[in-house]
Amino acid sequence: MSEPVSETVRVADGHRPREGGVDRKPIEVAVGVLLRPDGQFLLTSRPDGKAYAGYWEFPGGKIEAGETVQQALRRELQEEIGITIDEALPWKVECVDYPHALVRLNFCKVHAWHGQLQMREGQSFAWESLPVRSQPVLPGTVPVLGWLAQERGFAGPTHASPSSSLAG
């Protein structure tokens, strides 16, 4: 069972209009935080043709009708990056209001997988640690970096910050 969504919805690029208006339904998304034994985590870039192309994020995608978060994450990671995950451990849930969509991000920690990374959508990937070198970082990724920093006792900026595109 996922933990409840916080009362606060993070707003990305609040100066831009919201497609679909203020009463749009959230899109459910499964997101994998792949963690290696050395503590590094996987970030991938958003492919050309998608909103926020070139921004760095944790991999995942939309949950289809009838799927659980874990089922969707297994499918998405196979389709997008060519790996088969073992167990996806539900971790945190966060809502982000982007100009193009309101998304509910269901983050899962993944410690074991099989196969070699294959960037099947033309995206790039990087194994990162804090502070993250890849930039720009997608607004929905920022809270995860904070959670990881808190868990690890990391102090200081978690990533390079572009001109404030996220309000909490």
N, C-alpha and C. Protein backbone atom coordinates (compact mmCIF):
# COMPACT_ATOMS: atom_id res chain seq x y z
N MET A 1 0.84 -1.18 0.00
CA MET A 1 0.00 0.00 0.00
C MET A 1 0.88 1.24 0.00
N SER A 2 0.60 2.18 -0.87
CA SER A 2 1.38 3.41 -0.96
C SER A 2 1.01 4.33 0.19
N GLU A 3 1.96 5.18 0.55
CA GLU A 3 1.61 6.15 1.57
C GLU A 3 0.81 7.25 0.90
N PRO A 4 -0.02 7.96 1.65
CA PRO A 4 -0.90 8.96 1.03
C PRO A 4 -0.11 10.10 0.42
N VAL A 5 -0.73 10.72 -0.58
CA VAL A 5 -0.13 11.88 -1.23
C VAL A 5 -0.16 13.03 -0.23
N SER A 6 0.92 13.78 -0.19
CA SER A 6 0.95 14.91 0.72
C SER A 6 -0.11 15.93 0.31
N GLU A 7 -0.54 16.74 1.27
CA GLU A 7 -1.56 17.75 1.01
C GLU A 7 -1.04 18.79 0.01
N THR A 8 0.26 19.02 0.03
CA THR A 8 0.86 20.00 -0.85
C THR A 8 1.12 19.38 -2.21
N VAL A 9 0.70 20.08 -3.24
CA VAL A 9 1.01 19.66 -4.60
C VAL A 9 2.13 20.57 -5.08
N ARG A 10 3.21 19.98 -5.54
CA ARG A 10 4.32 20.77 -6.07
C ARG A 10 3.91 21.31 -7.43
N VAL A 11 4.19 22.57 -7.66
CA VAL A 11 3.83 23.21 -8.92
C VAL A 11 5.09 23.50 -9.71
N ALA A 12 5.16 22.94 -10.90
CA ALA A 12 6.29 23.18 -11.79
C ALA A 12 5.93 24.28 -12.78
N ASP A 13 6.83 25.22 -12.96
CA ASP A 13 6.61 26.30 -13.92
C ASP A 13 5.24 26.93 -13.73
N GLY A 14 4.99 27.41 -12.52
CA GLY A 14 3.69 27.97 -12.15
C GLY A 14 3.25 29.16 -12.97
N HIS A 15 4.16 29.81 -13.65
CA HIS A 15 3.82 30.96 -14.49
C HIS A 15 3.16 30.54 -15.81
N ARG A 16 3.23 29.25 -16.15
CA ARG A 16 2.65 28.77 -17.41
C ARG A 16 1.24 28.26 -17.18
N PRO A 17 0.36 28.38 -18.19
CA PRO A 17 -1.03 27.89 -18.03
C PRO A 17 -1.07 26.37 -17.92
N ARG A 18 -2.10 25.88 -17.27
CA ARG A 18 -2.31 24.44 -17.07
C ARG A 18 -3.21 23.90 -18.17
N GLU A 19 -2.71 22.93 -18.94
CA GLU A 19 -3.53 22.29 -19.97
C GLU A 19 -4.62 21.48 -19.28
N GLY A 20 -5.87 21.67 -19.69
CA GLY A 20 -6.98 20.93 -19.10
C GLY A 20 -7.58 21.62 -17.90
N GLY A 21 -7.06 22.78 -17.52
CA GLY A 21 -7.65 23.54 -16.43
C GLY A 21 -7.26 23.04 -15.05
N VAL A 22 -7.85 23.65 -14.03
CA VAL A 22 -7.47 23.36 -12.66
C VAL A 22 -8.09 22.08 -12.10
N ASP A 23 -9.16 21.58 -12.71
CA ASP A 23 -9.84 20.39 -12.17
C ASP A 23 -9.43 19.10 -12.87
N ARG A 24 -8.29 19.08 -13.52
CA ARG A 24 -7.87 17.87 -14.23
C ARG A 24 -7.53 16.76 -13.25
N LYS A 25 -7.76 15.53 -13.70
CA LYS A 25 -7.47 14.36 -12.87
C LYS A 25 -5.99 14.03 -12.95
N PRO A 26 -5.42 13.56 -11.85
CA PRO A 26 -4.00 13.19 -11.90
C PRO A 26 -3.77 11.93 -12.73
N ILE A 27 -2.65 11.91 -13.41
CA ILE A 27 -2.20 10.74 -14.14
C ILE A 27 -1.31 9.94 -13.18
N GLU A 28 -1.63 8.67 -13.00
CA GLU A 28 -0.86 7.82 -12.10
C GLU A 28 0.40 7.33 -12.82
N VAL A 29 1.54 7.48 -12.18
CA VAL A 29 2.82 7.12 -12.78
C VAL A 29 3.62 6.27 -11.78
N ALA A 30 4.23 5.21 -12.29
CA ALA A 30 5.12 4.36 -11.49
C ALA A 30 6.55 4.78 -11.81
N VAL A 31 7.35 5.00 -10.77
CA VAL A 31 8.72 5.49 -10.95
C VAL A 31 9.68 4.60 -10.17
N GLY A 32 10.77 4.20 -10.83
CA GLY A 32 11.77 3.34 -10.20
C GLY A 32 13.01 4.10 -9.77
N VAL A 33 13.36 3.96 -8.51
CA VAL A 33 14.61 4.51 -8.00
C VAL A 33 15.55 3.31 -7.90
N LEU A 34 16.32 3.10 -8.97
CA LEU A 34 17.24 1.96 -9.03
C LEU A 34 18.49 2.30 -8.25
N LEU A 35 18.78 1.47 -7.25
CA LEU A 35 19.90 1.72 -6.34
C LEU A 35 20.93 0.61 -6.44
N ARG A 36 22.18 0.98 -6.70
CA ARG A 36 23.26 0.00 -6.73
C ARG A 36 23.81 -0.19 -5.32
N PRO A 37 24.52 -1.30 -5.08
CA PRO A 37 25.10 -1.53 -3.75
C PRO A 37 26.04 -0.41 -3.29
N ASP A 38 26.69 0.28 -4.25
CA ASP A 38 27.60 1.37 -3.88
C ASP A 38 26.86 2.67 -3.56
N GLY A 39 25.51 2.64 -3.64
CA GLY A 39 24.71 3.81 -3.29
C GLY A 39 24.34 4.69 -4.47
N GLN A 40 24.95 4.46 -5.64
CA GLN A 40 24.59 5.27 -6.80
C GLN A 40 23.18 4.91 -7.27
N PHE A 41 22.53 5.87 -7.91
CA PHE A 41 21.17 5.68 -8.41
C PHE A 41 21.12 6.10 -9.88
N LEU A 42 20.16 5.52 -10.60
CA LEU A 42 20.05 5.74 -12.04
C LEU A 42 19.14 6.90 -12.36
N LEU A 43 19.63 7.82 -13.19
CA LEU A 43 18.80 8.87 -13.78
C LEU A 43 18.85 8.70 -15.29
N THR A 44 17.73 9.00 -15.93
CA THR A 44 17.67 8.97 -17.40
C THR A 44 17.16 10.32 -17.89
N SER A 45 17.53 10.67 -19.11
CA SER A 45 17.06 11.93 -19.68
C SER A 45 15.73 11.69 -20.38
N ARG A 46 14.90 12.70 -20.39
CA ARG A 46 13.62 12.59 -21.09
C ARG A 46 13.89 12.70 -22.59
N PRO A 47 13.31 11.78 -23.38
CA PRO A 47 13.59 11.77 -24.81
C PRO A 47 13.00 12.96 -25.57
N ASP A 48 13.59 13.22 -26.74
CA ASP A 48 13.05 14.24 -27.63
C ASP A 48 11.60 13.94 -27.93
N GLY A 49 10.81 14.99 -28.06
CA GLY A 49 9.39 14.83 -28.39
C GLY A 49 8.48 14.74 -27.18
N LYS A 50 9.05 14.60 -25.98
CA LYS A 50 8.25 14.56 -24.75
C LYS A 50 8.38 15.89 -24.03
N ALA A 51 7.38 16.20 -23.20
CA ALA A 51 7.46 17.39 -22.37
C ALA A 51 8.75 17.32 -21.54
N TYR A 52 9.40 18.44 -21.38
CA TYR A 52 10.65 18.54 -20.61
C TYR A 52 11.76 17.65 -21.20
N ALA A 53 11.80 17.54 -22.52
CA ALA A 53 12.85 16.76 -23.19
C ALA A 53 14.21 17.25 -22.72
N GLY A 54 15.10 16.29 -22.43
CA GLY A 54 16.46 16.62 -21.99
C GLY A 54 16.61 16.76 -20.49
N TYR A 55 15.50 16.87 -19.77
CA TYR A 55 15.58 16.93 -18.30
C TYR A 55 15.86 15.53 -17.76
N TRP A 56 16.51 15.47 -16.61
CA TRP A 56 16.89 14.19 -15.99
C TRP A 56 15.88 13.79 -14.94
N GLU A 57 15.55 12.48 -14.93
CA GLU A 57 14.53 11.95 -14.04
C GLU A 57 14.84 10.50 -13.68
N PHE A 58 14.07 9.98 -12.74
CA PHE A 58 14.09 8.56 -12.46
C PHE A 58 13.18 7.89 -13.48
N PRO A 59 13.53 6.71 -14.00
CA PRO A 59 12.74 6.09 -15.07
C PRO A 59 11.41 5.53 -14.56
N GLY A 60 10.45 5.46 -15.49
CA GLY A 60 9.13 4.91 -15.18
C GLY A 60 8.13 5.37 -16.21
N GLY A 61 6.85 5.24 -15.89
CA GLY A 61 5.83 5.67 -16.82
C GLY A 61 4.43 5.45 -16.28
N LYS A 62 3.47 5.75 -17.15
CA LYS A 62 2.06 5.70 -16.77
C LYS A 62 1.62 4.31 -16.35
N ILE A 63 0.73 4.29 -15.36
CA ILE A 63 0.11 3.05 -14.91
C ILE A 63 -1.14 2.85 -15.77
N GLU A 64 -1.21 1.70 -16.45
CA GLU A 64 -2.36 1.40 -17.30
C GLU A 64 -3.50 0.84 -16.46
N ALA A 65 -4.71 0.89 -17.01
CA ALA A 65 -5.90 0.37 -16.32
C ALA A 65 -5.67 -1.09 -15.92
N GLY A 66 -5.97 -1.40 -14.68
CA GLY A 66 -5.85 -2.77 -14.19
C GLY A 66 -4.47 -3.15 -13.68
N GLU A 67 -3.49 -2.26 -13.82
CA GLU A 67 -2.14 -2.56 -13.35
C GLU A 67 -1.93 -2.04 -11.93
N THR A 68 -1.11 -2.75 -11.17
CA THR A 68 -0.63 -2.22 -9.90
C THR A 68 0.58 -1.35 -10.21
N VAL A 69 1.03 -0.60 -9.21
CA VAL A 69 2.24 0.21 -9.38
C VAL A 69 3.41 -0.68 -9.77
N GLN A 70 3.57 -1.80 -9.06
CA GLN A 70 4.70 -2.69 -9.33
C GLN A 70 4.62 -3.30 -10.73
N GLN A 71 3.44 -3.70 -11.17
CA GLN A 71 3.29 -4.26 -12.52
C GLN A 71 3.64 -3.22 -13.57
N ALA A 72 3.15 -2.01 -13.39
CA ALA A 72 3.44 -0.94 -14.34
C ALA A 72 4.93 -0.64 -14.39
N LEU A 73 5.57 -0.62 -13.23
CA LEU A 73 6.99 -0.32 -13.19
C LEU A 73 7.79 -1.41 -13.91
N ARG A 74 7.45 -2.67 -13.68
CA ARG A 74 8.13 -3.76 -14.39
C ARG A 74 8.00 -3.59 -15.90
N ARG A 75 6.77 -3.32 -16.36
CA ARG A 75 6.52 -3.16 -17.79
C ARG A 75 7.29 -1.96 -18.34
N GLU A 76 7.19 -0.83 -17.69
CA GLU A 76 7.83 0.39 -18.17
C GLU A 76 9.35 0.26 -18.23
N LEU A 77 9.95 -0.32 -17.22
CA LEU A 77 11.41 -0.44 -17.22
C LEU A 77 11.89 -1.43 -18.29
N GLN A 78 11.09 -2.45 -18.56
CA GLN A 78 11.43 -3.37 -19.65
C GLN A 78 11.33 -2.64 -20.99
N GLU A 79 10.23 -1.91 -21.19
CA GLU A 79 10.01 -1.20 -22.46
C GLU A 79 11.02 -0.08 -22.68
N GLU A 80 11.32 0.70 -21.65
CA GLU A 80 12.14 1.90 -21.81
C GLU A 80 13.64 1.66 -21.73
N ILE A 81 14.06 0.79 -20.77
CA ILE A 81 15.50 0.65 -20.56
C ILE A 81 15.98 -0.80 -20.62
N GLY A 82 15.09 -1.73 -20.97
CA GLY A 82 15.50 -3.10 -21.27
C GLY A 82 15.90 -3.98 -20.11
N ILE A 83 15.49 -3.63 -18.90
CA ILE A 83 15.83 -4.48 -17.76
C ILE A 83 14.58 -5.11 -17.16
N THR A 84 14.78 -6.21 -16.45
CA THR A 84 13.71 -6.87 -15.71
C THR A 84 14.02 -6.72 -14.24
N ILE A 85 13.12 -6.07 -13.51
CA ILE A 85 13.37 -5.85 -12.09
C ILE A 85 12.86 -7.02 -11.28
N ASP A 86 13.48 -7.21 -10.12
CA ASP A 86 13.03 -8.25 -9.19
C ASP A 86 11.85 -7.69 -8.39
N GLU A 87 12.15 -7.02 -7.30
CA GLU A 87 11.10 -6.49 -6.43
C GLU A 87 11.12 -4.97 -6.47
N ALA A 88 9.93 -4.38 -6.53
CA ALA A 88 9.79 -2.93 -6.45
C ALA A 88 9.15 -2.62 -5.10
N LEU A 89 9.89 -1.94 -4.24
CA LEU A 89 9.41 -1.65 -2.89
C LEU A 89 8.77 -0.27 -2.85
N PRO A 90 7.45 -0.17 -2.63
CA PRO A 90 6.80 1.14 -2.55
C PRO A 90 7.50 2.02 -1.52
N TRP A 91 7.73 3.28 -1.88
CA TRP A 91 8.51 4.16 -1.02
C TRP A 91 7.75 5.44 -0.68
N LYS A 92 7.54 6.30 -1.65
CA LYS A 92 6.90 7.60 -1.42
C LYS A 92 5.96 7.91 -2.57
N VAL A 93 5.00 8.82 -2.31
CA VAL A 93 4.09 9.29 -3.35
C VAL A 93 4.10 10.81 -3.32
N GLU A 94 4.17 11.41 -4.51
CA GLU A 94 4.25 12.86 -4.62
C GLU A 94 3.41 13.31 -5.81
N CYS A 95 2.68 14.41 -5.65
CA CYS A 95 1.93 14.99 -6.77
C CYS A 95 2.69 16.20 -7.30
N VAL A 96 2.79 16.28 -8.63
CA VAL A 96 3.42 17.44 -9.26
C VAL A 96 2.47 17.95 -10.33
N ASP A 97 2.21 19.25 -10.28
CA ASP A 97 1.34 19.92 -11.24
C ASP A 97 2.22 20.58 -12.30
N TYR A 98 2.40 19.86 -13.41
CA TYR A 98 3.14 20.40 -14.56
C TYR A 98 2.17 21.13 -15.47
N PRO A 99 2.65 22.04 -16.31
CA PRO A 99 1.75 22.71 -17.25
C PRO A 99 1.00 21.72 -18.15
N HIS A 100 1.65 20.61 -18.55
CA HIS A 100 1.04 19.66 -19.48
C HIS A 100 0.20 18.58 -18.78
N ALA A 101 0.38 18.37 -17.48
CA ALA A 101 -0.35 17.29 -16.79
C ALA A 101 -0.15 17.39 -15.28
N LEU A 102 -1.16 16.92 -14.56
CA LEU A 102 -1.06 16.73 -13.13
C LEU A 102 -0.71 15.26 -12.94
N VAL A 103 0.42 14.98 -12.29
CA VAL A 103 0.87 13.59 -12.16
C VAL A 103 1.02 13.21 -10.69
N ARG A 104 0.62 11.97 -10.40
CA ARG A 104 0.86 11.39 -9.07
C ARG A 104 1.97 10.36 -9.27
N LEU A 105 3.13 10.67 -8.71
CA LEU A 105 4.32 9.86 -8.88
C LEU A 105 4.43 8.86 -7.74
N ASN A 106 4.35 7.58 -8.07
CA ASN A 106 4.46 6.50 -7.10
C ASN A 106 5.88 5.96 -7.17
N PHE A 107 6.75 6.41 -6.24
CA PHE A 107 8.15 6.04 -6.25
C PHE A 107 8.36 4.70 -5.56
N CYS A 108 9.14 3.84 -6.20
CA CYS A 108 9.51 2.54 -5.64
C CYS A 108 11.02 2.41 -5.67
N LYS A 109 11.57 1.83 -4.61
CA LYS A 109 13.00 1.52 -4.61
C LYS A 109 13.19 0.16 -5.26
N VAL A 110 14.21 0.07 -6.09
CA VAL A 110 14.55 -1.18 -6.78
C VAL A 110 16.03 -1.47 -6.51
N HIS A 111 16.30 -2.62 -5.89
CA HIS A 111 17.68 -2.97 -5.54
C HIS A 111 18.26 -4.06 -6.43
N ALA A 112 17.41 -4.78 -7.18
CA ALA A 112 17.92 -5.89 -8.01
C ALA A 112 17.17 -5.93 -9.34
N TRP A 113 17.93 -6.19 -10.40
CA TRP A 113 17.37 -6.30 -11.75
C TRP A 113 18.30 -7.17 -12.57
N HIS A 114 17.79 -7.55 -13.74
CA HIS A 114 18.54 -8.40 -14.67
C HIS A 114 18.58 -7.72 -16.02
N GLY A 115 19.65 -7.97 -16.76
CA GLY A 115 19.79 -7.42 -18.10
C GLY A 115 20.68 -6.19 -18.10
N GLN A 116 21.09 -5.82 -19.31
CA GLN A 116 21.92 -4.64 -19.51
C GLN A 116 21.04 -3.46 -19.86
N LEU A 117 21.41 -2.28 -19.41
CA LEU A 117 20.65 -1.08 -19.74
C LEU A 117 20.69 -0.84 -21.24
N GLN A 118 19.51 -0.64 -21.81
CA GLN A 118 19.34 -0.32 -23.23
C GLN A 118 18.39 0.87 -23.31
N MET A 119 18.89 1.99 -23.74
CA MET A 119 18.06 3.19 -23.81
C MET A 119 17.21 3.12 -25.07
N ARG A 120 16.04 2.53 -24.96
CA ARG A 120 15.19 2.20 -26.10
C ARG A 120 14.41 3.39 -26.66
N GLU A 121 14.46 4.54 -26.00
CA GLU A 121 13.76 5.72 -26.51
C GLU A 121 14.75 6.83 -26.89
N GLY A 122 16.02 6.45 -27.03
CA GLY A 122 17.03 7.43 -27.42
C GLY A 122 17.47 8.34 -26.28
N GLN A 123 17.10 7.99 -25.06
CA GLN A 123 17.49 8.81 -23.92
C GLN A 123 18.92 8.47 -23.49
N SER A 124 19.47 9.29 -22.60
CA SER A 124 20.78 9.04 -22.01
C SER A 124 20.56 8.54 -20.59
N PHE A 125 21.62 7.97 -20.00
CA PHE A 125 21.52 7.56 -18.59
C PHE A 125 22.81 7.90 -17.87
N ALA A 126 22.69 8.02 -16.56
CA ALA A 126 23.86 8.30 -15.72
C ALA A 126 23.63 7.67 -14.35
N TRP A 127 24.67 7.01 -13.84
CA TRP A 127 24.65 6.56 -12.45
C TRP A 127 25.16 7.74 -11.64
N GLU A 128 24.34 8.20 -10.73
CA GLU A 128 24.62 9.42 -9.99
C GLU A 128 24.75 9.17 -8.50
N SER A 129 25.35 10.14 -7.82
CA SER A 129 25.34 10.21 -6.37
C SER A 129 25.08 11.69 -6.06
N LEU A 130 24.96 12.01 -4.79
CA LEU A 130 24.68 13.39 -4.41
C LEU A 130 25.99 14.16 -4.23
N PRO A 131 26.07 15.38 -4.73
CA PRO A 131 25.09 16.09 -5.53
C PRO A 131 25.08 15.58 -6.98
N VAL A 132 23.92 15.61 -7.59
CA VAL A 132 23.74 15.13 -8.97
C VAL A 132 24.45 16.08 -9.93
N ARG A 133 25.21 15.51 -10.85
CA ARG A 133 25.92 16.30 -11.86
C ARG A 133 25.07 16.56 -13.10
N SER A 134 24.22 15.62 -13.47
CA SER A 134 23.39 15.77 -14.67
C SER A 134 22.38 16.90 -14.46
N GLN A 135 22.21 17.69 -15.50
CA GLN A 135 21.25 18.77 -15.41
C GLN A 135 20.70 19.14 -16.77
N PRO A 136 19.51 19.72 -16.81
CA PRO A 136 18.66 20.09 -15.69
C PRO A 136 17.90 18.89 -15.13
N VAL A 137 17.50 18.99 -13.87
CA VAL A 137 16.76 17.93 -13.20
C VAL A 137 15.27 18.25 -13.28
N LEU A 138 14.47 17.25 -13.64
CA LEU A 138 13.02 17.42 -13.74
C LEU A 138 12.45 17.79 -12.36
N PRO A 139 11.51 18.73 -12.29
CA PRO A 139 10.96 19.12 -11.00
C PRO A 139 10.46 17.95 -10.14
N GLY A 140 9.86 16.93 -10.75
CA GLY A 140 9.38 15.79 -9.98
C GLY A 140 10.49 14.93 -9.39
N THR A 141 11.71 15.14 -9.84
CA THR A 141 12.87 14.40 -9.34
C THR A 141 13.46 15.06 -8.10
N VAL A 142 13.28 16.35 -7.99
CA VAL A 142 13.90 17.12 -6.91
C VAL A 142 13.55 16.59 -5.51
N PRO A 143 12.26 16.30 -5.21
CA PRO A 143 11.97 15.79 -3.86
C PRO A 143 12.69 14.48 -3.55
N VAL A 144 12.85 13.62 -4.56
CA VAL A 144 13.50 12.33 -4.34
C VAL A 144 14.96 12.55 -3.93
N LEU A 145 15.61 13.50 -4.55
CA LEU A 145 16.99 13.80 -4.18
C LEU A 145 17.06 14.25 -2.72
N GLY A 146 16.08 15.01 -2.29
CA GLY A 146 16.00 15.44 -0.90
C GLY A 146 15.78 14.26 0.05
N TRP A 147 14.91 13.33 -0.34
CA TRP A 147 14.65 12.15 0.50
C TRP A 147 15.91 11.31 0.62
N LEU A 148 16.61 11.13 -0.51
CA LEU A 148 17.85 10.36 -0.49
C LEU A 148 18.89 11.06 0.39
N ALA A 149 18.98 12.37 0.28
CA ALA A 149 19.93 13.13 1.10
C ALA A 149 19.62 12.95 2.58
N GLN A 150 18.34 13.02 2.91
CA GLN A 150 17.94 12.87 4.31
C GLN A 150 18.30 11.47 4.83
N GLU A 151 17.99 10.45 4.03
CA GLU A 151 18.31 9.08 4.44
C GLU A 151 19.81 8.87 4.63
N ARG A 152 20.60 9.55 3.81
CA ARG A 152 22.05 9.33 3.80
C ARG A 152 22.82 10.32 4.66
N GLY A 153 22.11 11.25 5.28
CA GLY A 153 22.78 12.26 6.08
C GLY A 153 23.61 13.22 5.24
N PHE A 154 23.19 13.43 4.00
CA PHE A 154 23.91 14.32 3.08
C PHE A 154 23.47 15.76 3.33
N ALA A 155 24.42 16.66 3.51
CA ALA A 155 24.10 18.08 3.70
C ALA A 155 24.59 18.85 2.48
N GLY A 156 23.84 19.85 2.08
CA GLY A 156 24.23 20.68 0.95
C GLY A 156 23.27 20.50 -0.21
N PRO A 157 23.50 21.26 -1.28
CA PRO A 157 22.63 21.17 -2.44
C PRO A 157 22.67 19.76 -3.03
N THR A 158 21.51 19.25 -3.46
CA THR A 158 21.44 17.91 -4.05
C THR A 158 21.66 17.94 -5.55
N HIS A 159 21.53 19.13 -6.16
CA HIS A 159 21.65 19.26 -7.61
C HIS A 159 21.86 20.74 -7.95
N ALA A 160 22.28 20.99 -9.19
CA ALA A 160 22.38 22.37 -9.66
C ALA A 160 20.96 22.87 -9.89
N SER A 161 20.67 24.05 -9.41
CA SER A 161 19.30 24.55 -9.48
C SER A 161 19.16 25.62 -10.55
N PRO A 162 18.32 25.35 -11.58
CA PRO A 162 18.05 26.41 -12.55
C PRO A 162 17.17 27.45 -11.87
N SER A 163 16.93 28.56 -12.54
CA SER A 163 16.09 29.60 -11.94
C SER A 163 14.77 28.96 -11.49
N SER A 164 14.49 29.06 -10.26
CA SER A 164 13.40 28.40 -9.55
C SER A 164 12.19 28.07 -10.42
N SER A 165 12.10 26.78 -10.80
CA SER A 165 10.96 26.34 -11.61
C SER A 165 9.98 25.51 -10.80
N LEU A 166 10.21 25.40 -9.49
CA LEU A 166 9.36 24.55 -8.67
C LEU A 166 9.02 25.27 -7.38
N ALA A 167 7.75 25.31 -7.08
CA ALA A 167 7.29 25.84 -5.80
C ALA A 167 6.61 24.72 -5.06
N GLY A 168 6.75 24.64 -3.75
CA GLY A 168 6.19 23.55 -3.00
C GLY A 168 5.03 23.90 -2.17
